[in-house]
Amino acid sequence: MKKLLVATKNQGKLNEFVTLLAELPYKLVSLNTLGITEVVEETGSTFYENALIKAKTYSRLSKMDSLADDSGLEVDALDGRPGVWSSRYGSESMSDEDRVQLLLSELQGVPWDKRTARFKCVIVLATTLGCITTVESSIEGFIQCKAQGSNGFGYDPIFYLPESDCTSAELATRDKNDISHRGKAAKQLIKVFK
């Protein structure tokens, strides 16, 4: 079975991709599995640029087809922040919980109807032949005032989904994968392989 590198060091993302891409005729491998320790700096100003940098670099380092994503949360009341800095918002040493608290403090006093936000995901597949495939998706919601739920990671506990009447972190994994930004982008990628 052909191998496909999932170019992330984020265990939560890796676990999601293993589930989301299970039907592909590939064995998914991680950077850790291959012993790749190089850290690629995300110097892009867009999700696409960062995903492309990671996919191409890790494809070159591993000599394998490589899939990378960049995703994050855009909050309208914060002019799109944290955006491409979602996983590093505040500082790289902060925990997910600290980032959630920082975001909530920045939104203190912002009324519900102005707390609109979206998760965006761009996935780039870079092959050893130099071919680049890109898919992207997003999901709209609101930032609620307190964290709820324990399924997921990052900003999931404060991302409220009106159609589900709960946060992303309160959804069962299967339900989350059906509607999430990463889940929808992964479905598009699967269609590319078929």
N, C-alpha and C. Protein backbone atom coordinates (compact mmCIF):
# COMPACT_ATOMS: atom_id res chain seq x y z
N MET A 1 0.85 -1.18 0.00
CA MET A 1 0.00 0.00 0.00
C MET A 1 0.89 1.24 0.00
N LYS A 2 0.56 2.18 -0.86
CA LYS A 2 1.33 3.42 -0.96
C LYS A 2 1.15 4.25 0.31
N LYS A 3 2.20 4.97 0.69
CA LYS A 3 2.15 5.79 1.90
C LYS A 3 1.93 7.26 1.55
N LEU A 4 1.25 7.96 2.44
CA LEU A 4 0.99 9.39 2.32
C LEU A 4 1.35 10.03 3.64
N LEU A 5 2.23 11.02 3.59
CA LEU A 5 2.65 11.72 4.80
C LEU A 5 1.62 12.78 5.17
N VAL A 6 1.17 12.74 6.41
CA VAL A 6 0.35 13.81 6.97
C VAL A 6 1.31 14.72 7.72
N ALA A 7 1.57 15.88 7.13
CA ALA A 7 2.64 16.77 7.61
C ALA A 7 2.14 17.67 8.73
N THR A 8 2.03 17.09 9.91
CA THR A 8 1.67 17.87 11.09
C THR A 8 2.33 17.26 12.32
N LYS A 9 2.62 18.10 13.27
CA LYS A 9 3.10 17.65 14.57
C LYS A 9 1.98 17.75 15.61
N ASN A 10 0.82 18.26 15.17
CA ASN A 10 -0.34 18.42 16.04
C ASN A 10 -1.09 17.08 16.10
N GLN A 11 -1.04 16.43 17.26
CA GLN A 11 -1.62 15.10 17.40
C GLN A 11 -3.14 15.12 17.17
N GLY A 12 -3.81 16.19 17.59
CA GLY A 12 -5.25 16.30 17.36
C GLY A 12 -5.59 16.31 15.89
N LYS A 13 -4.83 17.09 15.11
CA LYS A 13 -5.03 17.13 13.66
C LYS A 13 -4.74 15.78 13.04
N LEU A 14 -3.65 15.16 13.45
CA LEU A 14 -3.27 13.86 12.90
C LEU A 14 -4.38 12.85 13.14
N ASN A 15 -4.90 12.79 14.36
CA ASN A 15 -5.98 11.85 14.67
C ASN A 15 -7.20 12.11 13.79
N GLU A 16 -7.54 13.38 13.59
CA GLU A 16 -8.68 13.70 12.73
C GLU A 16 -8.44 13.23 11.30
N PHE A 17 -7.25 13.47 10.77
CA PHE A 17 -6.97 13.06 9.39
C PHE A 17 -7.00 11.54 9.24
N VAL A 18 -6.48 10.81 10.20
CA VAL A 18 -6.50 9.35 10.12
C VAL A 18 -7.94 8.86 10.00
N THR A 19 -8.83 9.46 10.77
CA THR A 19 -10.25 9.10 10.71
C THR A 19 -10.89 9.57 9.41
N LEU A 20 -10.66 10.83 9.06
CA LEU A 20 -11.31 11.44 7.90
C LEU A 20 -10.89 10.80 6.58
N LEU A 21 -9.65 10.36 6.50
CA LEU A 21 -9.12 9.84 5.24
C LEU A 21 -8.98 8.32 5.24
N ALA A 22 -9.70 7.66 6.13
CA ALA A 22 -9.58 6.20 6.28
C ALA A 22 -9.91 5.45 5.00
N GLU A 23 -10.79 5.99 4.16
CA GLU A 23 -11.18 5.26 2.95
C GLU A 23 -10.19 5.40 1.80
N LEU A 24 -9.17 6.24 1.96
CA LEU A 24 -8.17 6.36 0.90
C LEU A 24 -7.33 5.09 0.81
N PRO A 25 -6.87 4.76 -0.39
CA PRO A 25 -6.03 3.56 -0.55
C PRO A 25 -4.56 3.85 -0.20
N TYR A 26 -4.35 4.53 0.91
CA TYR A 26 -3.01 4.92 1.36
C TYR A 26 -2.86 4.58 2.82
N LYS A 27 -1.63 4.29 3.19
CA LYS A 27 -1.30 4.19 4.61
C LYS A 27 -0.80 5.57 5.02
N LEU A 28 -1.50 6.20 5.96
CA LEU A 28 -1.11 7.52 6.42
C LEU A 28 0.02 7.39 7.43
N VAL A 29 1.06 8.17 7.23
CA VAL A 29 2.18 8.16 8.17
C VAL A 29 2.41 9.59 8.66
N SER A 30 3.00 9.69 9.84
CA SER A 30 3.22 11.00 10.44
C SER A 30 4.70 11.39 10.38
N LEU A 31 4.95 12.64 10.66
CA LEU A 31 6.34 13.12 10.74
C LEU A 31 7.10 12.35 11.81
N ASN A 32 6.45 12.10 12.95
CA ASN A 32 7.10 11.36 14.03
C ASN A 32 7.45 9.94 13.61
N THR A 33 6.54 9.29 12.89
CA THR A 33 6.79 7.92 12.42
C THR A 33 8.03 7.86 11.55
N LEU A 34 8.22 8.89 10.73
CA LEU A 34 9.37 8.94 9.83
C LEU A 34 10.62 9.52 10.49
N GLY A 35 10.48 9.98 11.72
CA GLY A 35 11.63 10.57 12.42
C GLY A 35 12.01 11.95 11.89
N ILE A 36 11.07 12.63 11.27
CA ILE A 36 11.35 13.98 10.75
C ILE A 36 11.13 14.98 11.88
N THR A 37 12.19 15.65 12.26
CA THR A 37 12.12 16.59 13.39
C THR A 37 12.19 18.05 12.96
N GLU A 38 12.48 18.29 11.69
CA GLU A 38 12.57 19.67 11.21
C GLU A 38 11.23 20.38 11.41
N VAL A 39 11.30 21.61 11.86
CA VAL A 39 10.11 22.43 12.03
C VAL A 39 10.06 23.44 10.90
N VAL A 40 8.97 23.44 10.17
CA VAL A 40 8.80 24.37 9.07
C VAL A 40 8.11 25.62 9.60
N GLU A 41 8.74 26.76 9.39
CA GLU A 41 8.13 28.01 9.85
C GLU A 41 6.98 28.39 8.93
N GLU A 42 5.86 28.71 9.54
CA GLU A 42 4.68 29.12 8.80
C GLU A 42 4.77 30.63 8.58
N THR A 43 5.43 31.01 7.50
CA THR A 43 5.69 32.42 7.22
C THR A 43 4.67 33.04 6.27
N GLY A 44 3.71 32.26 5.83
CA GLY A 44 2.70 32.76 4.91
C GLY A 44 1.71 33.69 5.60
N SER A 45 1.04 34.49 4.80
CA SER A 45 0.03 35.40 5.35
C SER A 45 -1.38 34.87 5.14
N THR A 46 -1.49 33.68 4.50
CA THR A 46 -2.79 33.05 4.30
C THR A 46 -2.70 31.58 4.68
N PHE A 47 -3.86 30.96 4.91
CA PHE A 47 -3.89 29.53 5.20
C PHE A 47 -3.28 28.75 4.04
N TYR A 48 -3.61 29.14 2.81
CA TYR A 48 -3.07 28.46 1.64
C TYR A 48 -1.54 28.52 1.62
N GLU A 49 -0.98 29.69 1.81
CA GLU A 49 0.49 29.83 1.76
C GLU A 49 1.16 28.94 2.80
N ASN A 50 0.63 28.91 4.01
CA ASN A 50 1.24 28.09 5.06
C ASN A 50 1.11 26.60 4.75
N ALA A 51 -0.05 26.17 4.27
CA ALA A 51 -0.23 24.75 3.92
C ALA A 51 0.70 24.36 2.78
N LEU A 52 0.86 25.24 1.80
CA LEU A 52 1.74 24.97 0.67
C LEU A 52 3.20 24.85 1.12
N ILE A 53 3.64 25.76 1.97
CA ILE A 53 5.01 25.71 2.49
C ILE A 53 5.26 24.37 3.17
N LYS A 54 4.34 23.95 4.04
CA LYS A 54 4.51 22.69 4.77
C LYS A 54 4.47 21.48 3.84
N ALA A 55 3.49 21.44 2.94
CA ALA A 55 3.34 20.27 2.06
C ALA A 55 4.57 20.09 1.18
N LYS A 56 5.04 21.17 0.56
CA LYS A 56 6.20 21.08 -0.34
C LYS A 56 7.48 20.74 0.42
N THR A 57 7.68 21.38 1.55
CA THR A 57 8.91 21.13 2.32
C THR A 57 8.96 19.70 2.83
N TYR A 58 7.86 19.23 3.42
CA TYR A 58 7.87 17.87 3.97
C TYR A 58 7.86 16.81 2.87
N SER A 59 7.31 17.11 1.71
CA SER A 59 7.40 16.18 0.59
C SER A 59 8.86 16.03 0.16
N ARG A 60 9.56 17.15 0.10
CA ARG A 60 10.98 17.12 -0.27
C ARG A 60 11.81 16.37 0.78
N LEU A 61 11.57 16.66 2.06
CA LEU A 61 12.34 16.02 3.13
C LEU A 61 12.08 14.51 3.22
N SER A 62 10.82 14.11 3.01
CA SER A 62 10.45 12.70 3.16
C SER A 62 10.57 11.91 1.87
N LYS A 63 10.65 12.63 0.74
CA LYS A 63 10.62 11.99 -0.58
C LYS A 63 9.33 11.19 -0.77
N MET A 64 8.24 11.74 -0.21
CA MET A 64 6.92 11.12 -0.29
C MET A 64 5.89 12.18 -0.66
N ASP A 65 4.76 11.72 -1.20
CA ASP A 65 3.63 12.63 -1.34
C ASP A 65 3.25 13.09 0.07
N SER A 66 2.95 14.38 0.19
CA SER A 66 2.73 14.96 1.51
C SER A 66 1.47 15.82 1.52
N LEU A 67 0.70 15.62 2.55
CA LEU A 67 -0.54 16.37 2.74
C LEU A 67 -0.35 17.28 3.95
N ALA A 68 -0.63 18.57 3.79
CA ALA A 68 -0.54 19.50 4.91
C ALA A 68 -1.77 20.38 4.92
N ASP A 69 -2.17 20.78 6.10
CA ASP A 69 -3.27 21.72 6.16
C ASP A 69 -2.85 22.92 6.99
N ASP A 70 -3.50 24.01 6.75
CA ASP A 70 -3.43 25.13 7.68
C ASP A 70 -4.87 25.53 7.89
N SER A 71 -5.19 25.71 9.12
CA SER A 71 -6.56 26.03 9.45
C SER A 71 -6.56 26.93 10.67
N GLY A 72 -7.68 27.56 10.88
CA GLY A 72 -7.76 28.43 12.03
C GLY A 72 -9.12 29.08 12.16
N LEU A 73 -9.20 29.91 13.16
CA LEU A 73 -10.43 30.59 13.52
C LEU A 73 -10.34 32.05 13.13
N GLU A 74 -11.35 32.54 12.45
CA GLU A 74 -11.45 33.96 12.12
C GLU A 74 -12.66 34.54 12.84
N VAL A 75 -12.43 35.55 13.68
CA VAL A 75 -13.49 36.18 14.45
C VAL A 75 -13.74 37.57 13.87
N ASP A 76 -14.95 37.81 13.42
CA ASP A 76 -15.26 39.08 12.75
C ASP A 76 -15.04 40.29 13.64
N ALA A 77 -15.42 40.21 14.91
CA ALA A 77 -15.27 41.35 15.83
C ALA A 77 -13.81 41.67 16.11
N LEU A 78 -12.91 40.74 15.78
CA LEU A 78 -11.47 40.95 15.98
C LEU A 78 -10.76 41.13 14.64
N ASP A 79 -11.50 41.58 13.63
CA ASP A 79 -10.94 41.80 12.30
C ASP A 79 -10.26 40.56 11.72
N GLY A 80 -10.86 39.38 12.00
CA GLY A 80 -10.34 38.14 11.44
C GLY A 80 -9.30 37.43 12.30
N ARG A 81 -8.90 38.05 13.40
CA ARG A 81 -7.96 37.37 14.30
C ARG A 81 -8.68 36.24 15.01
N PRO A 82 -7.98 35.19 15.39
CA PRO A 82 -6.54 34.97 15.28
C PRO A 82 -6.06 34.52 13.91
N GLY A 83 -6.95 34.04 13.04
CA GLY A 83 -6.57 33.72 11.66
C GLY A 83 -5.41 32.75 11.55
N VAL A 84 -4.44 33.08 10.70
CA VAL A 84 -3.31 32.16 10.47
C VAL A 84 -2.45 31.98 11.72
N TRP A 85 -2.66 32.80 12.72
CA TRP A 85 -1.89 32.68 13.96
C TRP A 85 -2.67 31.91 15.03
N SER A 86 -3.75 31.24 14.67
CA SER A 86 -4.63 30.58 15.64
C SER A 86 -3.88 29.69 16.62
N SER A 87 -2.99 28.85 16.13
CA SER A 87 -2.28 27.92 17.02
C SER A 87 -1.13 28.58 17.77
N ARG A 88 -0.83 29.82 17.43
CA ARG A 88 0.27 30.54 18.10
C ARG A 88 -0.23 31.85 18.72
N TYR A 89 -1.54 32.02 18.77
CA TYR A 89 -2.13 33.28 19.23
C TYR A 89 -1.73 33.56 20.67
N GLY A 90 -1.35 34.79 20.92
CA GLY A 90 -0.88 35.17 22.25
C GLY A 90 0.61 34.94 22.35
N SER A 91 1.01 33.68 22.37
CA SER A 91 2.42 33.29 22.30
C SER A 91 2.47 31.79 22.03
N GLU A 92 3.57 31.34 21.49
CA GLU A 92 3.70 29.92 21.15
C GLU A 92 3.70 29.03 22.38
N SER A 93 4.04 29.60 23.55
CA SER A 93 4.12 28.80 24.77
C SER A 93 2.76 28.64 25.46
N MET A 94 1.74 29.33 24.97
CA MET A 94 0.42 29.23 25.61
C MET A 94 -0.26 27.91 25.27
N SER A 95 -1.06 27.42 26.21
CA SER A 95 -1.85 26.21 25.98
C SER A 95 -3.13 26.58 25.22
N ASP A 96 -3.82 25.56 24.71
CA ASP A 96 -5.11 25.80 24.05
C ASP A 96 -6.06 26.53 25.00
N GLU A 97 -6.09 26.10 26.25
CA GLU A 97 -6.99 26.71 27.23
C GLU A 97 -6.64 28.19 27.44
N ASP A 98 -5.34 28.51 27.48
CA ASP A 98 -4.91 29.90 27.64
C ASP A 98 -5.34 30.74 26.44
N ARG A 99 -5.23 30.18 25.25
CA ARG A 99 -5.63 30.90 24.04
C ARG A 99 -7.14 31.16 24.04
N VAL A 100 -7.89 30.17 24.46
CA VAL A 100 -9.34 30.33 24.56
C VAL A 100 -9.67 31.48 25.52
N GLN A 101 -9.00 31.49 26.68
CA GLN A 101 -9.26 32.55 27.66
C GLN A 101 -8.85 33.92 27.13
N LEU A 102 -7.74 33.99 26.40
CA LEU A 102 -7.31 35.25 25.79
C LEU A 102 -8.37 35.76 24.82
N LEU A 103 -8.84 34.87 23.96
CA LEU A 103 -9.85 35.24 22.98
C LEU A 103 -11.13 35.71 23.67
N LEU A 104 -11.56 34.99 24.69
CA LEU A 104 -12.77 35.38 25.41
C LEU A 104 -12.60 36.74 26.08
N SER A 105 -11.42 37.01 26.60
CA SER A 105 -11.19 38.32 27.24
C SER A 105 -11.24 39.44 26.20
N GLU A 106 -10.74 39.17 25.00
CA GLU A 106 -10.78 40.17 23.94
C GLU A 106 -12.21 40.44 23.45
N LEU A 107 -13.08 39.46 23.63
CA LEU A 107 -14.47 39.60 23.19
C LEU A 107 -15.41 40.04 24.32
N GLN A 108 -14.86 40.28 25.49
CA GLN A 108 -15.69 40.69 26.62
C GLN A 108 -16.48 41.95 26.25
N GLY A 109 -17.77 41.91 26.48
CA GLY A 109 -18.63 43.04 26.18
C GLY A 109 -19.15 43.09 24.75
N VAL A 110 -18.65 42.21 23.89
CA VAL A 110 -19.13 42.16 22.50
C VAL A 110 -20.46 41.41 22.48
N PRO A 111 -21.52 42.03 21.94
CA PRO A 111 -22.83 41.37 21.93
C PRO A 111 -22.84 40.12 21.04
N TRP A 112 -23.79 39.23 21.35
CA TRP A 112 -23.87 37.93 20.66
C TRP A 112 -23.90 38.07 19.15
N ASP A 113 -24.69 38.99 18.62
CA ASP A 113 -24.83 39.09 17.17
C ASP A 113 -23.56 39.58 16.48
N LYS A 114 -22.60 40.06 17.25
CA LYS A 114 -21.32 40.52 16.69
C LYS A 114 -20.19 39.50 16.93
N ARG A 115 -20.53 38.35 17.50
CA ARG A 115 -19.52 37.33 17.83
C ARG A 115 -19.42 36.26 16.73
N THR A 116 -19.75 36.64 15.50
CA THR A 116 -19.70 35.71 14.37
C THR A 116 -18.26 35.32 14.08
N ALA A 117 -18.10 34.08 13.65
CA ALA A 117 -16.76 33.56 13.40
C ALA A 117 -16.86 32.37 12.45
N ARG A 118 -15.71 31.95 11.99
CA ARG A 118 -15.67 30.77 11.14
C ARG A 118 -14.34 30.05 11.35
N PHE A 119 -14.41 28.74 11.23
CA PHE A 119 -13.21 27.92 11.12
C PHE A 119 -12.95 27.74 9.63
N LYS A 120 -11.71 27.94 9.20
CA LYS A 120 -11.32 27.71 7.81
C LYS A 120 -10.24 26.65 7.77
N CYS A 121 -10.25 25.89 6.70
CA CYS A 121 -9.23 24.86 6.50
C CYS A 121 -8.82 24.83 5.03
N VAL A 122 -7.53 24.85 4.79
CA VAL A 122 -6.98 24.65 3.45
C VAL A 122 -6.05 23.45 3.53
N ILE A 123 -6.28 22.47 2.66
CA ILE A 123 -5.43 21.28 2.58
C ILE A 123 -4.69 21.33 1.25
N VAL A 124 -3.39 21.13 1.32
CA VAL A 124 -2.56 21.07 0.11
C VAL A 124 -1.89 19.70 0.06
N LEU A 125 -1.98 19.07 -1.09
CA LEU A 125 -1.28 17.82 -1.36
C LEU A 125 -0.16 18.12 -2.33
N ALA A 126 1.06 17.85 -1.92
CA ALA A 126 2.23 18.04 -2.79
C ALA A 126 2.81 16.66 -3.09
N THR A 127 2.91 16.33 -4.38
CA THR A 127 3.46 15.02 -4.75
C THR A 127 4.95 15.13 -5.05
N THR A 128 5.59 14.00 -5.08
CA THR A 128 7.02 13.97 -5.39
C THR A 128 7.28 14.37 -6.83
N LEU A 129 6.24 14.36 -7.66
CA LEU A 129 6.38 14.79 -9.05
C LEU A 129 6.17 16.29 -9.21
N GLY A 130 5.88 16.97 -8.09
CA GLY A 130 5.71 18.42 -8.13
C GLY A 130 4.28 18.88 -8.37
N CYS A 131 3.34 17.95 -8.41
CA CYS A 131 1.94 18.33 -8.59
C CYS A 131 1.37 18.85 -7.27
N ILE A 132 0.56 19.89 -7.36
CA ILE A 132 -0.05 20.50 -6.18
C ILE A 132 -1.57 20.45 -6.34
N THR A 133 -2.25 19.94 -5.33
CA THR A 133 -3.71 19.92 -5.29
C THR A 133 -4.14 20.64 -4.02
N THR A 134 -5.15 21.49 -4.17
CA THR A 134 -5.63 22.28 -3.03
C THR A 134 -7.13 22.15 -2.89
N VAL A 135 -7.59 21.97 -1.65
CA VAL A 135 -9.02 22.01 -1.33
C VAL A 135 -9.18 22.89 -0.10
N GLU A 136 -10.35 23.49 0.03
CA GLU A 136 -10.59 24.30 1.22
C GLU A 136 -12.06 24.30 1.58
N SER A 137 -12.32 24.58 2.85
CA SER A 137 -13.69 24.64 3.32
C SER A 137 -13.74 25.49 4.59
N SER A 138 -14.95 25.82 4.99
CA SER A 138 -15.13 26.59 6.23
C SER A 138 -16.46 26.22 6.86
N ILE A 139 -16.62 26.61 8.10
CA ILE A 139 -17.88 26.43 8.81
C ILE A 139 -18.13 27.68 9.64
N GLU A 140 -19.36 28.17 9.58
CA GLU A 140 -19.74 29.41 10.27
C GLU A 140 -20.33 29.11 11.64
N GLY A 141 -20.10 30.03 12.57
CA GLY A 141 -20.66 29.89 13.90
C GLY A 141 -20.49 31.17 14.70
N PHE A 142 -20.55 31.03 16.00
CA PHE A 142 -20.41 32.16 16.93
C PHE A 142 -19.42 31.77 18.03
N ILE A 143 -18.81 32.77 18.64
CA ILE A 143 -17.95 32.52 19.80
C ILE A 143 -18.80 32.74 21.05
N GLN A 144 -19.01 31.67 21.80
CA GLN A 144 -19.80 31.82 23.01
C GLN A 144 -18.93 32.31 24.16
N CYS A 145 -19.56 32.64 25.28
CA CYS A 145 -18.86 33.33 26.38
C CYS A 145 -18.09 32.41 27.31
N LYS A 146 -18.33 31.12 27.24
CA LYS A 146 -17.59 30.19 28.09
C LYS A 146 -17.37 28.87 27.36
N ALA A 147 -16.32 28.19 27.75
CA ALA A 147 -15.97 26.92 27.12
C ALA A 147 -16.93 25.82 27.57
N GLN A 148 -17.32 24.96 26.60
CA GLN A 148 -18.17 23.81 26.88
C GLN A 148 -17.75 22.66 25.99
N GLY A 149 -17.67 21.47 26.58
CA GLY A 149 -17.37 20.27 25.82
C GLY A 149 -15.91 19.89 25.90
N SER A 150 -15.64 18.63 25.65
CA SER A 150 -14.26 18.13 25.77
C SER A 150 -13.80 17.34 24.55
N ASN A 151 -14.61 17.29 23.50
CA ASN A 151 -14.23 16.55 22.30
C ASN A 151 -13.61 17.54 21.31
N GLY A 152 -12.40 17.31 20.93
CA GLY A 152 -11.74 18.22 20.01
C GLY A 152 -10.56 18.90 20.67
N PHE A 153 -10.14 20.01 20.09
CA PHE A 153 -8.97 20.73 20.59
C PHE A 153 -9.06 22.18 20.15
N GLY A 154 -8.12 22.98 20.58
CA GLY A 154 -8.07 24.37 20.16
C GLY A 154 -9.28 25.15 20.63
N TYR A 155 -9.92 25.82 19.69
CA TYR A 155 -11.05 26.70 20.00
C TYR A 155 -12.40 25.98 19.95
N ASP A 156 -12.40 24.67 19.74
CA ASP A 156 -13.66 23.91 19.65
C ASP A 156 -14.61 24.17 20.82
N PRO A 157 -14.12 24.29 22.07
CA PRO A 157 -15.05 24.47 23.20
C PRO A 157 -15.80 25.80 23.22
N ILE A 158 -15.38 26.79 22.43
CA ILE A 158 -16.10 28.07 22.42
C ILE A 158 -16.75 28.37 21.07
N PHE A 159 -16.60 27.46 20.11
CA PHE A 159 -17.18 27.67 18.79
C PHE A 159 -18.58 27.07 18.75
N TYR A 160 -19.58 27.94 18.81
CA TYR A 160 -20.98 27.52 18.86
C TYR A 160 -21.55 27.36 17.46
N LEU A 161 -22.20 26.23 17.24
CA LEU A 161 -22.81 25.90 15.95
C LEU A 161 -24.33 26.00 16.09
N PRO A 162 -24.94 27.06 15.55
CA PRO A 162 -26.39 27.24 15.72
C PRO A 162 -27.22 26.05 15.24
N GLU A 163 -26.84 25.45 14.11
CA GLU A 163 -27.64 24.35 13.56
C GLU A 163 -27.57 23.09 14.43
N SER A 164 -26.54 22.98 15.26
CA SER A 164 -26.40 21.83 16.15
C SER A 164 -26.75 22.18 17.59
N ASP A 165 -26.90 23.47 17.89
CA ASP A 165 -27.21 23.98 19.22
C ASP A 165 -26.20 23.49 20.27
N CYS A 166 -24.92 23.52 19.90
CA CYS A 166 -23.86 23.14 20.83
C CYS A 166 -22.53 23.64 20.28
N THR A 167 -21.50 23.49 21.08
CA THR A 167 -20.17 23.85 20.59
C THR A 167 -19.61 22.69 19.78
N SER A 168 -18.59 22.99 19.04
CA SER A 168 -17.89 21.97 18.26
C SER A 168 -17.35 20.87 19.17
N ALA A 169 -16.94 21.25 20.38
CA ALA A 169 -16.37 20.28 21.33
C ALA A 169 -17.43 19.41 21.99
N GLU A 170 -18.71 19.74 21.81
CA GLU A 170 -19.78 18.93 22.37
C GLU A 170 -20.31 17.90 21.38
N LEU A 171 -19.88 17.98 20.14
CA LEU A 171 -20.32 17.03 19.13
C LEU A 171 -19.58 15.71 19.27
N ALA A 172 -20.26 14.63 18.95
CA ALA A 172 -19.59 13.33 18.84
C ALA A 172 -18.60 13.42 17.68
N THR A 173 -17.52 12.69 17.75
CA THR A 173 -16.48 12.76 16.72
C THR A 173 -17.05 12.57 15.33
N ARG A 174 -17.91 11.60 15.16
CA ARG A 174 -18.47 11.32 13.83
C ARG A 174 -19.28 12.51 13.31
N ASP A 175 -20.09 13.10 14.20
CA ASP A 175 -20.89 14.26 13.80
C ASP A 175 -20.00 15.45 13.47
N LYS A 176 -18.97 15.66 14.29
CA LYS A 176 -18.04 16.76 14.05
C LYS A 176 -17.36 16.59 12.69
N ASN A 177 -16.90 15.38 12.42
CA ASN A 177 -16.20 15.13 11.16
C ASN A 177 -17.10 15.35 9.94
N ASP A 178 -18.40 15.15 10.11
CA ASP A 178 -19.34 15.37 9.00
C ASP A 178 -19.49 16.84 8.64
N ILE A 179 -19.38 17.73 9.63
CA ILE A 179 -19.69 19.14 9.37
C ILE A 179 -18.52 20.10 9.55
N SER A 180 -17.42 19.64 10.12
CA SER A 180 -16.31 20.56 10.42
C SER A 180 -15.61 21.05 9.15
N HIS A 181 -14.89 22.13 9.30
CA HIS A 181 -14.11 22.69 8.20
C HIS A 181 -13.12 21.67 7.66
N ARG A 182 -12.45 20.95 8.54
CA ARG A 182 -11.47 19.95 8.12
C ARG A 182 -12.17 18.74 7.52
N GLY A 183 -13.30 18.36 8.10
CA GLY A 183 -14.05 17.22 7.57
C GLY A 183 -14.55 17.47 6.16
N LYS A 184 -15.08 18.67 5.94
CA LYS A 184 -15.59 19.00 4.59
C LYS A 184 -14.45 19.11 3.58
N ALA A 185 -13.32 19.66 3.99
CA ALA A 185 -12.17 19.74 3.08
C ALA A 185 -11.64 18.34 2.77
N ALA A 186 -11.61 17.47 3.78
CA ALA A 186 -11.13 16.10 3.57
C ALA A 186 -12.03 15.36 2.58
N LYS A 187 -13.34 15.58 2.67
CA LYS A 187 -14.26 14.94 1.72
C LYS A 187 -13.96 15.39 0.29
N GLN A 188 -13.62 16.67 0.13
CA GLN A 188 -13.25 17.16 -1.21
C GLN A 188 -11.97 16.48 -1.69
N LEU A 189 -11.03 16.30 -0.78
CA LEU A 189 -9.76 15.66 -1.16
C LEU A 189 -9.99 14.20 -1.57
N ILE A 190 -10.86 13.51 -0.86
CA ILE A 190 -11.17 12.12 -1.21
C ILE A 190 -11.72 12.05 -2.63
N LYS A 191 -12.57 13.00 -3.01
CA LYS A 191 -13.12 13.03 -4.37
C LYS A 191 -12.01 13.19 -5.41
N VAL A 192 -10.97 13.95 -5.07
CA VAL A 192 -9.83 14.14 -5.98
C VAL A 192 -9.14 12.80 -6.24
N PHE A 193 -9.05 11.96 -5.22
CA PHE A 193 -8.37 10.67 -5.35
C PHE A 193 -9.20 9.66 -6.12
N LYS A 194 -10.50 9.86 -6.21
CA LYS A 194 -11.37 8.86 -6.85
C LYS A 194 -11.44 9.05 -8.34
